[in-house]
Amino acid sequence: QVQLVESGGGLVQAGGSLRLSCAASRGTITRTRMGWFRQAPGKEREFVAFISSTGGWTDYGDSVKGRFTISRDNAKNMVYLQMNSLYPEETAVYYCNAVKGVRPASDSWGQGTQVTVSS
């Protein structure tokens, strides 16, 4: 089973930027639609963005449209999330996963990467 490891989180001020990475191992994700999700304390996990297997089609949650960009490098088996103009309420643990539509395709999650946005 493919393992996904997220990285790139950290502490950033409101309005700042971060770039998250998702590295796949023990398999390839080159033919898999991939997405990013986030879970804030006390809240349910929510969809952030997805990207088609070729990278030609992307979609985003309404709250991040115009600020976040999902991308992938199939040669490196990697998926990325560039986050700009961050808000404090976007403090959460961010996860990547395969997707079906805007839902995770697997019940298996990595450890995620913590993003903290200070006001």
N, C-alpha and C. Protein backbone atom coordinates (compact mmCIF):
# COMPACT_ATOMS: atom_id res chain seq x y z
N GLN A 1 0.83 -1.17 0.00
CA GLN A 1 0.00 0.00 0.00
C GLN A 1 0.88 1.24 0.00
N VAL A 2 0.48 2.22 -0.80
CA VAL A 2 1.26 3.45 -0.89
C VAL A 2 1.24 4.17 0.45
N GLN A 3 2.40 4.64 0.86
CA GLN A 3 2.49 5.45 2.07
C GLN A 3 2.70 6.90 1.68
N LEU A 4 2.02 7.79 2.38
CA LEU A 4 2.10 9.21 2.11
C LEU A 4 2.67 9.93 3.32
N VAL A 5 3.64 10.79 3.07
CA VAL A 5 4.26 11.56 4.16
C VAL A 5 4.17 13.03 3.81
N GLU A 6 3.49 13.77 4.67
CA GLU A 6 3.34 15.20 4.48
C GLU A 6 4.44 15.97 5.22
N SER A 7 4.81 17.09 4.66
CA SER A 7 5.82 17.94 5.29
C SER A 7 5.64 19.38 4.83
N GLY A 8 6.36 20.27 5.46
CA GLY A 8 6.35 21.67 5.04
C GLY A 8 5.53 22.59 5.91
N GLY A 9 4.84 22.03 6.89
CA GLY A 9 4.06 22.86 7.79
C GLY A 9 4.95 23.68 8.71
N GLY A 10 4.31 24.53 9.47
CA GLY A 10 5.06 25.35 10.40
C GLY A 10 4.22 26.50 10.91
N LEU A 11 4.90 27.44 11.53
CA LEU A 11 4.24 28.62 12.08
C LEU A 11 4.45 29.79 11.12
N VAL A 12 3.37 30.44 10.78
CA VAL A 12 3.44 31.57 9.85
C VAL A 12 2.47 32.65 10.33
N GLN A 13 2.79 33.87 10.05
CA GLN A 13 1.88 34.96 10.40
C GLN A 13 0.74 35.05 9.41
N ALA A 14 -0.35 35.60 9.87
CA ALA A 14 -1.49 35.81 8.98
C ALA A 14 -1.04 36.61 7.75
N GLY A 15 -1.51 36.15 6.60
CA GLY A 15 -1.10 36.77 5.34
C GLY A 15 0.12 36.13 4.72
N GLY A 16 0.74 35.24 5.46
CA GLY A 16 1.95 34.60 4.97
C GLY A 16 1.67 33.41 4.08
N SER A 17 2.75 32.73 3.70
CA SER A 17 2.67 31.62 2.76
C SER A 17 3.43 30.41 3.28
N LEU A 18 2.99 29.26 2.86
CA LEU A 18 3.69 28.01 3.11
C LEU A 18 3.50 27.10 1.90
N ARG A 19 4.45 26.22 1.70
CA ARG A 19 4.33 25.21 0.66
C ARG A 19 4.44 23.84 1.30
N LEU A 20 3.38 23.09 1.19
CA LEU A 20 3.35 21.74 1.73
C LEU A 20 3.74 20.73 0.66
N SER A 21 4.35 19.66 1.12
CA SER A 21 4.74 18.58 0.22
C SER A 21 4.15 17.26 0.69
N CYS A 22 3.87 16.41 -0.24
CA CYS A 22 3.37 15.06 0.05
C CYS A 22 4.20 14.09 -0.76
N ALA A 23 4.95 13.26 -0.06
CA ALA A 23 5.83 12.29 -0.71
C ALA A 23 5.22 10.90 -0.62
N ALA A 24 5.16 10.22 -1.74
CA ALA A 24 4.61 8.87 -1.78
C ALA A 24 5.74 7.86 -1.85
N SER A 25 5.57 6.78 -1.11
CA SER A 25 6.54 5.69 -1.15
C SER A 25 5.81 4.36 -1.15
N ARG A 26 6.57 3.30 -1.40
CA ARG A 26 6.00 1.94 -1.47
C ARG A 26 4.94 1.84 -2.56
N GLY A 27 5.10 2.62 -3.61
CA GLY A 27 4.16 2.58 -4.70
C GLY A 27 4.15 3.89 -5.44
N THR A 28 3.40 3.93 -6.52
CA THR A 28 3.33 5.14 -7.32
C THR A 28 1.95 5.78 -7.23
N ILE A 29 1.93 7.09 -7.34
CA ILE A 29 0.67 7.82 -7.36
C ILE A 29 0.47 8.50 -8.71
N THR A 30 1.27 8.10 -9.69
CA THR A 30 1.24 8.81 -10.96
C THR A 30 -0.08 8.66 -11.70
N ARG A 31 -0.86 7.63 -11.39
CA ARG A 31 -2.15 7.45 -12.04
C ARG A 31 -3.31 7.70 -11.10
N THR A 32 -3.01 8.39 -10.01
CA THR A 32 -4.00 8.57 -8.96
C THR A 32 -4.36 10.04 -8.81
N ARG A 33 -5.65 10.31 -8.72
CA ARG A 33 -6.07 11.65 -8.34
C ARG A 33 -5.69 11.84 -6.88
N MET A 34 -5.12 12.98 -6.60
CA MET A 34 -4.66 13.25 -5.24
C MET A 34 -5.28 14.53 -4.71
N GLY A 35 -5.36 14.60 -3.40
CA GLY A 35 -5.96 15.79 -2.81
C GLY A 35 -5.33 16.13 -1.48
N TRP A 36 -5.67 17.32 -1.03
CA TRP A 36 -5.28 17.78 0.30
C TRP A 36 -6.54 18.01 1.12
N PHE A 37 -6.41 17.66 2.39
CA PHE A 37 -7.48 17.87 3.35
C PHE A 37 -6.87 18.53 4.58
N ARG A 38 -7.71 19.08 5.43
CA ARG A 38 -7.22 19.66 6.67
C ARG A 38 -8.22 19.42 7.79
N GLN A 39 -7.69 19.37 8.99
CA GLN A 39 -8.53 19.17 10.15
C GLN A 39 -8.08 20.11 11.26
N ALA A 40 -8.96 21.02 11.60
CA ALA A 40 -8.69 21.95 12.69
C ALA A 40 -9.15 21.32 14.00
N PRO A 41 -8.61 21.78 15.11
CA PRO A 41 -9.00 21.22 16.41
C PRO A 41 -10.50 21.31 16.62
N GLY A 42 -11.10 20.19 16.98
CA GLY A 42 -12.52 20.16 17.27
C GLY A 42 -13.43 20.19 16.06
N LYS A 43 -12.84 20.12 14.88
CA LYS A 43 -13.64 20.16 13.66
C LYS A 43 -13.41 18.91 12.82
N GLU A 44 -14.33 18.69 11.90
CA GLU A 44 -14.19 17.55 11.01
C GLU A 44 -13.15 17.86 9.93
N ARG A 45 -12.59 16.81 9.39
CA ARG A 45 -11.65 16.96 8.30
C ARG A 45 -12.38 17.51 7.08
N GLU A 46 -11.77 18.47 6.40
CA GLU A 46 -12.42 19.08 5.25
C GLU A 46 -11.54 19.05 4.02
N PHE A 47 -12.20 19.02 2.89
CA PHE A 47 -11.53 19.02 1.60
C PHE A 47 -10.90 20.38 1.33
N VAL A 48 -9.68 20.37 0.79
CA VAL A 48 -8.99 21.62 0.45
C VAL A 48 -8.80 21.73 -1.06
N ALA A 49 -8.24 20.68 -1.67
CA ALA A 49 -7.94 20.76 -3.10
C ALA A 49 -7.72 19.37 -3.65
N PHE A 50 -7.92 19.22 -4.96
CA PHE A 50 -7.52 17.96 -5.61
C PHE A 50 -6.91 18.26 -6.98
N ILE A 51 -6.18 17.27 -7.46
CA ILE A 51 -5.51 17.38 -8.75
C ILE A 51 -5.63 16.05 -9.47
N SER A 52 -5.89 16.12 -10.77
CA SER A 52 -6.01 14.90 -11.57
C SER A 52 -4.65 14.22 -11.70
N SER A 53 -4.66 13.02 -12.21
CA SER A 53 -3.43 12.24 -12.30
C SER A 53 -2.37 12.91 -13.18
N THR A 54 -2.82 13.62 -14.21
CA THR A 54 -1.87 14.28 -15.10
C THR A 54 -1.57 15.71 -14.66
N GLY A 55 -2.34 16.21 -13.72
CA GLY A 55 -2.17 17.60 -13.29
C GLY A 55 -2.95 18.60 -14.10
N GLY A 56 -3.70 18.11 -15.09
CA GLY A 56 -4.40 19.03 -15.97
C GLY A 56 -5.71 19.56 -15.42
N TRP A 57 -6.17 19.00 -14.33
CA TRP A 57 -7.47 19.39 -13.76
C TRP A 57 -7.30 19.53 -12.26
N THR A 58 -7.70 20.67 -11.75
CA THR A 58 -7.64 20.91 -10.32
C THR A 58 -8.97 21.51 -9.86
N ASP A 59 -9.22 21.38 -8.59
CA ASP A 59 -10.38 22.02 -7.99
C ASP A 59 -10.08 22.29 -6.53
N TYR A 60 -10.81 23.26 -5.97
CA TYR A 60 -10.50 23.73 -4.64
C TYR A 60 -11.76 23.93 -3.81
N GLY A 61 -11.59 23.83 -2.51
CA GLY A 61 -12.67 24.23 -1.64
C GLY A 61 -12.92 25.73 -1.80
N ASP A 62 -14.15 26.15 -1.58
CA ASP A 62 -14.51 27.54 -1.82
C ASP A 62 -13.66 28.51 -1.01
N SER A 63 -13.31 28.13 0.20
CA SER A 63 -12.61 29.06 1.08
C SER A 63 -11.16 29.29 0.68
N VAL A 64 -10.61 28.45 -0.18
CA VAL A 64 -9.18 28.60 -0.53
C VAL A 64 -8.97 28.98 -1.99
N LYS A 65 -10.04 29.04 -2.76
CA LYS A 65 -9.90 29.38 -4.18
C LYS A 65 -9.24 30.74 -4.35
N GLY A 66 -8.27 30.77 -5.26
CA GLY A 66 -7.56 32.01 -5.52
C GLY A 66 -6.35 32.23 -4.62
N ARG A 67 -6.23 31.43 -3.57
CA ARG A 67 -5.10 31.59 -2.65
C ARG A 67 -4.21 30.36 -2.60
N PHE A 68 -4.78 29.20 -2.78
CA PHE A 68 -4.02 27.94 -2.73
C PHE A 68 -3.85 27.39 -4.14
N THR A 69 -2.73 26.71 -4.35
CA THR A 69 -2.48 26.06 -5.63
C THR A 69 -1.94 24.66 -5.39
N ILE A 70 -2.62 23.68 -5.94
CA ILE A 70 -2.15 22.30 -5.85
C ILE A 70 -1.40 21.96 -7.12
N SER A 71 -0.34 21.20 -6.97
CA SER A 71 0.46 20.78 -8.13
C SER A 71 1.06 19.42 -7.84
N ARG A 72 1.66 18.84 -8.84
CA ARG A 72 2.28 17.53 -8.65
C ARG A 72 3.47 17.37 -9.57
N ASP A 73 4.35 16.50 -9.19
CA ASP A 73 5.51 16.12 -10.00
C ASP A 73 5.52 14.61 -10.03
N ASN A 74 4.98 14.04 -11.07
CA ASN A 74 4.87 12.58 -11.13
C ASN A 74 6.23 11.90 -11.25
N ALA A 75 7.19 12.59 -11.78
CA ALA A 75 8.54 12.00 -11.88
C ALA A 75 9.13 11.79 -10.49
N LYS A 76 8.70 12.63 -9.55
CA LYS A 76 9.21 12.53 -8.18
C LYS A 76 8.20 11.88 -7.24
N ASN A 77 7.03 11.53 -7.77
CA ASN A 77 6.00 10.91 -6.93
C ASN A 77 5.58 11.85 -5.79
N MET A 78 5.42 13.13 -6.14
CA MET A 78 5.16 14.17 -5.14
C MET A 78 3.92 14.97 -5.51
N VAL A 79 3.26 15.48 -4.47
CA VAL A 79 2.15 16.42 -4.63
C VAL A 79 2.44 17.60 -3.70
N TYR A 80 2.07 18.79 -4.15
CA TYR A 80 2.37 20.00 -3.39
C TYR A 80 1.12 20.83 -3.18
N LEU A 81 1.18 21.67 -2.16
CA LEU A 81 0.11 22.65 -1.92
C LEU A 81 0.76 23.97 -1.55
N GLN A 82 0.68 24.93 -2.46
CA GLN A 82 1.15 26.27 -2.17
C GLN A 82 0.01 27.06 -1.56
N MET A 83 0.25 27.58 -0.37
CA MET A 83 -0.79 28.31 0.37
C MET A 83 -0.35 29.75 0.57
N ASN A 84 -1.13 30.66 0.07
CA ASN A 84 -0.83 32.08 0.20
C ASN A 84 -1.94 32.79 0.97
N SER A 85 -1.61 33.94 1.51
CA SER A 85 -2.61 34.77 2.22
C SER A 85 -3.34 33.96 3.28
N LEU A 86 -2.59 33.32 4.11
CA LEU A 86 -3.19 32.43 5.12
C LEU A 86 -3.90 33.20 6.22
N TYR A 87 -4.97 32.61 6.72
CA TYR A 87 -5.76 33.17 7.81
C TYR A 87 -5.55 32.34 9.07
N PRO A 88 -5.68 32.96 10.23
CA PRO A 88 -5.55 32.18 11.48
C PRO A 88 -6.50 31.00 11.57
N GLU A 89 -7.69 31.15 11.02
CA GLU A 89 -8.65 30.05 11.08
C GLU A 89 -8.26 28.87 10.20
N GLU A 90 -7.20 29.02 9.45
CA GLU A 90 -6.72 27.89 8.65
C GLU A 90 -5.67 27.07 9.39
N THR A 91 -5.48 27.40 10.63
CA THR A 91 -4.64 26.56 11.48
C THR A 91 -5.26 25.17 11.57
N ALA A 92 -4.47 24.17 11.20
CA ALA A 92 -4.99 22.81 11.13
C ALA A 92 -3.84 21.86 10.83
N VAL A 93 -4.16 20.58 10.93
CA VAL A 93 -3.24 19.57 10.40
C VAL A 93 -3.67 19.29 8.97
N TYR A 94 -2.73 19.34 8.08
CA TYR A 94 -2.99 19.15 6.66
C TYR A 94 -2.51 17.76 6.23
N TYR A 95 -3.37 17.09 5.46
CA TYR A 95 -3.11 15.73 5.02
C TYR A 95 -3.27 15.62 3.50
N CYS A 96 -2.53 14.71 2.91
CA CYS A 96 -2.78 14.37 1.52
C CYS A 96 -3.34 12.95 1.46
N ASN A 97 -4.05 12.67 0.40
CA ASN A 97 -4.65 11.36 0.23
C ASN A 97 -5.10 11.23 -1.21
N ALA A 98 -5.27 10.01 -1.65
CA ALA A 98 -5.94 9.80 -2.92
C ALA A 98 -7.39 10.24 -2.77
N VAL A 99 -8.00 10.66 -3.88
CA VAL A 99 -9.37 11.16 -3.80
C VAL A 99 -10.27 10.53 -4.83
N LYS A 100 -11.56 10.52 -4.48
CA LYS A 100 -12.64 10.22 -5.42
C LYS A 100 -13.57 11.42 -5.34
N GLY A 101 -13.52 12.23 -6.35
CA GLY A 101 -14.25 13.48 -6.27
C GLY A 101 -13.56 14.37 -5.25
N VAL A 102 -14.30 14.79 -4.25
CA VAL A 102 -13.73 15.61 -3.19
C VAL A 102 -13.63 14.83 -1.88
N ARG A 103 -13.75 13.52 -1.99
CA ARG A 103 -13.68 12.69 -0.79
C ARG A 103 -12.41 11.85 -0.81
N PRO A 104 -11.88 11.53 0.34
CA PRO A 104 -10.69 10.67 0.37
C PRO A 104 -11.02 9.28 -0.16
N ALA A 105 -10.12 8.73 -0.90
CA ALA A 105 -10.33 7.41 -1.47
C ALA A 105 -9.83 6.31 -0.56
N SER A 106 -9.13 6.68 0.48
CA SER A 106 -8.57 5.70 1.40
C SER A 106 -8.86 6.13 2.83
N ASP A 107 -9.04 5.14 3.68
CA ASP A 107 -9.21 5.41 5.11
C ASP A 107 -7.86 5.51 5.82
N SER A 108 -6.81 5.28 5.08
CA SER A 108 -5.47 5.32 5.66
C SER A 108 -4.90 6.72 5.51
N TRP A 109 -4.49 7.32 6.63
CA TRP A 109 -3.96 8.67 6.62
C TRP A 109 -2.53 8.68 7.16
N GLY A 110 -1.75 9.60 6.64
CA GLY A 110 -0.42 9.81 7.19
C GLY A 110 -0.51 10.62 8.48
N GLN A 111 0.64 11.07 8.94
CA GLN A 111 0.66 11.83 10.19
C GLN A 111 0.26 13.28 10.00
N GLY A 112 0.22 13.72 8.74
CA GLY A 112 -0.13 15.10 8.46
C GLY A 112 1.00 16.05 8.80
N THR A 113 0.78 17.30 8.47
CA THR A 113 1.74 18.34 8.82
C THR A 113 0.98 19.52 9.43
N GLN A 114 1.47 19.99 10.54
CA GLN A 114 0.78 21.04 11.30
C GLN A 114 1.07 22.41 10.68
N VAL A 115 0.01 23.13 10.41
CA VAL A 115 0.11 24.52 9.96
C VAL A 115 -0.53 25.40 11.02
N THR A 116 0.25 26.34 11.52
CA THR A 116 -0.27 27.26 12.53
C THR A 116 -0.12 28.68 12.00
N VAL A 117 -1.25 29.38 11.93
CA VAL A 117 -1.25 30.74 11.43
C VAL A 117 -1.55 31.68 12.59
N SER A 118 -0.60 32.52 12.90
CA SER A 118 -0.77 33.43 14.03
C SER A 118 -1.39 34.75 13.55
N SER A 119 -2.14 35.35 14.45
CA SER A 119 -2.80 36.62 14.09
C SER A 119 -1.94 37.82 14.44
